[in-house]
Amino acid sequence: EQVNALQGANTQLAFEKETLTTEKTVLTGEKAALTTERNTVYYVIGTKEELLKKNMIQQTGGTLGVGKTQVPARDLNAADFTPMDKMKVSEIAFPKADKAYRIITRQSVSGLETPPDKSGRISGGLKIKDAEKFWAASKFLIVVEQ
C-alpha cells in the first residue's frame, strides 16, 4: 500500500515538474521578447528636405514662411528608422563628419557625453553616456543635418 502511494506521489511530482518546466520556458521567452522591445530604439539622420519628403518631420510656426521650426511628425513609423539596442550601442556616427547636426526629438542631451553647443548643434556623432536618460522621453531619434 505504501509503495503504491509513493509511486502515485512520484507520478504526480513528475507531472508537476514537466508543467513547471514548460511554464518556465514560456516565461523566459516572453521576458526575452519584452527586454528586446523595451531596449529597441530607432533613429534617422538626414537633411531637412529628405526628412520632410519622407513625412518624418514637419515645419511649424514662423511668419509668411520665415522662421519655421522642424518638429517630429505626429505619426512615426518604426520601419522608416534604423533600429538599435540602446543598451548595446552607445555611439551613432553622422553620415558627413564635416557637417553640423541638430536633434529635433525630445531626447535628454544631458545623457550625451558631449552636449550640443549653444546653438544646439552637434558635430562628429553622438556618444551616449546614459542610455536610460537619453532615451527616456522618446524611443525615436531624429537628427537633421544643418
Protein backbone atom coordinates (compact mmCIF):
# COMPACT_ATOMS: atom_id res chain seq x y z
CA GLU A 1 0.00 0.00 0.00
CA GLN A 2 2.83 2.44 0.87
CA VAL A 3 4.69 1.54 -2.33
CA ASN A 4 1.59 2.27 -4.41
CA ALA A 5 1.07 5.58 -2.59
CA LEU A 6 4.72 6.59 -3.18
CA GLN A 7 4.52 5.61 -6.86
CA GLY A 8 1.39 7.76 -7.25
CA ALA A 9 3.06 10.70 -5.50
CA ASN A 10 6.15 10.25 -7.72
CA THR A 11 3.99 10.29 -10.86
CA GLN A 12 2.23 13.44 -9.66
CA LEU A 13 5.56 15.16 -8.90
CA ALA A 14 6.92 14.24 -12.34
CA PHE A 15 3.82 15.74 -13.98
CA GLU A 16 4.11 18.94 -11.92
CA LYS A 17 7.81 19.21 -12.78
CA GLU A 18 7.03 18.92 -16.50
CA THR A 19 4.33 21.59 -16.18
CA LEU A 20 6.67 23.96 -14.33
CA THR A 21 9.44 23.39 -16.89
CA THR A 22 7.06 24.27 -19.72
CA GLU A 23 5.84 27.39 -17.91
CA LYS A 24 9.43 28.47 -17.22
CA THR A 25 10.32 28.10 -20.91
CA VAL A 26 7.33 30.24 -21.93
CA LEU A 27 8.11 32.92 -19.33
CA THR A 28 11.78 33.00 -20.33
CA GLY A 29 10.78 33.57 -23.96
CA GLU A 30 8.31 36.30 -23.01
CA LYS A 31 10.93 38.01 -20.85
CA ALA A 32 13.43 37.99 -23.73
CA ALA A 33 10.82 39.45 -26.11
CA LEU A 34 9.86 42.18 -23.63
CA THR A 35 13.50 43.05 -22.97
CA THR A 36 14.15 43.34 -26.71
CA GLU A 37 11.06 45.52 -27.16
CA ARG A 38 12.00 47.75 -24.23
CA ASN A 39 15.59 48.21 -25.38
CA THR A 40 14.89 48.75 -29.07
CA VAL A 41 15.09 52.39 -30.10
CA TYR A 42 15.01 53.96 -33.55
CA TYR A 43 16.99 56.72 -35.23
CA VAL A 44 17.19 58.53 -38.54
CA ILE A 45 19.69 61.10 -39.78
CA GLY A 46 19.10 63.20 -42.86
CA THR A 47 18.70 66.60 -44.44
CA LYS A 48 15.62 68.70 -43.82
CA GLU A 49 14.44 68.07 -47.38
CA GLU A 50 14.86 64.27 -47.11
CA LEU A 51 13.01 64.06 -43.81
CA LEU A 52 10.20 66.37 -45.00
CA LYS A 53 9.77 64.26 -48.14
CA LYS A 54 9.52 61.06 -46.04
CA ASN A 55 6.99 62.77 -43.71
CA MET A 56 9.22 62.19 -40.70
CA ILE A 57 9.33 65.87 -39.76
CA GLN A 58 7.03 68.86 -40.17
CA GLN A 59 7.65 72.59 -40.13
CA THR A 60 5.63 74.72 -37.73
CA GLY A 61 5.45 78.33 -36.66
CA GLY A 62 7.04 81.23 -38.45
CA THR A 63 5.52 84.14 -40.27
CA LEU A 64 4.98 84.21 -44.01
CA GLY A 65 7.21 81.17 -44.44
CA VAL A 66 10.11 82.63 -42.44
CA GLY A 67 11.34 81.23 -39.13
CA LYS A 68 9.71 77.82 -39.31
CA THR A 69 10.92 75.16 -36.89
CA GLN A 70 11.31 71.46 -37.66
CA VAL A 71 9.44 69.13 -35.34
CA PRO A 72 8.85 65.36 -35.46
CA ALA A 73 5.79 64.23 -37.42
CA ARG A 74 2.86 63.10 -35.29
CA ASP A 75 2.73 59.55 -36.65
CA LEU A 76 6.16 57.97 -36.89
CA ASN A 77 6.60 54.55 -38.46
CA ALA A 78 9.38 52.42 -36.92
CA ALA A 79 10.00 50.83 -40.34
CA ASP A 80 11.33 54.18 -41.62
CA PHE A 81 14.04 54.26 -38.94
CA THR A 82 17.20 52.31 -38.18
CA PRO A 83 16.62 50.12 -35.11
CA MET A 84 19.26 49.58 -32.42
CA ASP A 85 19.58 48.19 -28.91
CA LYS A 86 20.05 51.17 -26.60
CA MET A 87 21.91 49.04 -24.08
CA LYS A 88 24.46 47.77 -26.61
CA VAL A 89 25.03 50.79 -28.87
CA SER A 90 26.44 53.95 -27.32
CA GLU A 91 27.69 55.75 -30.43
CA ILE A 92 25.90 56.90 -33.56
CA ALA A 93 28.11 58.23 -36.34
CA PHE A 94 26.90 61.04 -38.58
CA PRO A 95 26.98 60.46 -42.35
CA LYS A 96 29.04 63.61 -43.01
CA ALA A 97 31.73 64.26 -40.43
CA ASP A 98 32.28 67.84 -41.66
CA LYS A 99 28.63 68.88 -41.14
CA ALA A 100 26.79 70.01 -38.02
CA TYR A 101 23.56 68.29 -36.94
CA ARG A 102 20.64 69.11 -34.66
CA ILE A 103 18.49 66.73 -32.62
CA ILE A 104 14.84 67.67 -33.13
CA THR A 105 13.22 64.98 -30.99
CA ARG A 106 12.90 65.26 -27.21
CA GLN A 107 15.94 63.27 -26.10
CA SER A 108 17.68 64.46 -22.95
CA VAL A 109 21.00 65.84 -24.18
CA SER A 110 22.34 65.60 -20.62
CA GLY A 111 22.61 61.86 -21.37
CA LEU A 112 25.26 62.61 -24.01
CA GLU A 113 28.99 62.55 -23.36
CA THR A 114 29.36 65.86 -25.25
CA PRO A 115 26.26 68.06 -25.24
CA PRO A 116 25.34 70.27 -28.20
CA ASP A 117 26.84 73.77 -28.49
CA LYS A 118 24.84 76.87 -27.52
CA SER A 119 23.01 76.87 -30.85
CA GLY A 120 22.01 73.21 -30.38
CA ARG A 121 24.40 71.79 -32.96
CA ILE A 122 26.47 68.63 -32.69
CA SER A 123 29.37 67.55 -34.87
CA GLY A 124 31.07 64.21 -35.45
CA GLY A 125 28.44 61.93 -33.94
CA LEU A 126 26.55 61.09 -30.79
CA LYS A 127 28.25 59.46 -27.83
CA ILE A 128 25.65 58.36 -25.32
CA LYS A 129 26.87 58.08 -21.73
CA ASP A 130 23.50 57.41 -20.06
CA ALA A 131 21.15 55.48 -22.35
CA GLU A 132 18.21 55.41 -19.94
CA LYS A 133 18.32 59.17 -19.51
CA PHE A 134 18.93 59.95 -23.20
CA TRP A 135 16.10 57.72 -24.49
CA ALA A 136 13.60 58.33 -21.64
CA ALA A 137 11.42 60.88 -23.47
CA SER A 138 11.17 59.07 -26.80
CA LYS A 139 12.33 55.87 -28.45
CA PHE A 140 12.57 57.77 -31.76
CA LEU A 141 15.57 59.98 -32.52
CA ILE A 142 15.52 62.37 -35.48
CA VAL A 143 18.73 64.21 -36.34
CA VAL A 144 18.72 66.87 -39.06
CA GLU A 145 21.77 68.00 -40.98
CA GLN A 146 22.26 71.75 -40.66
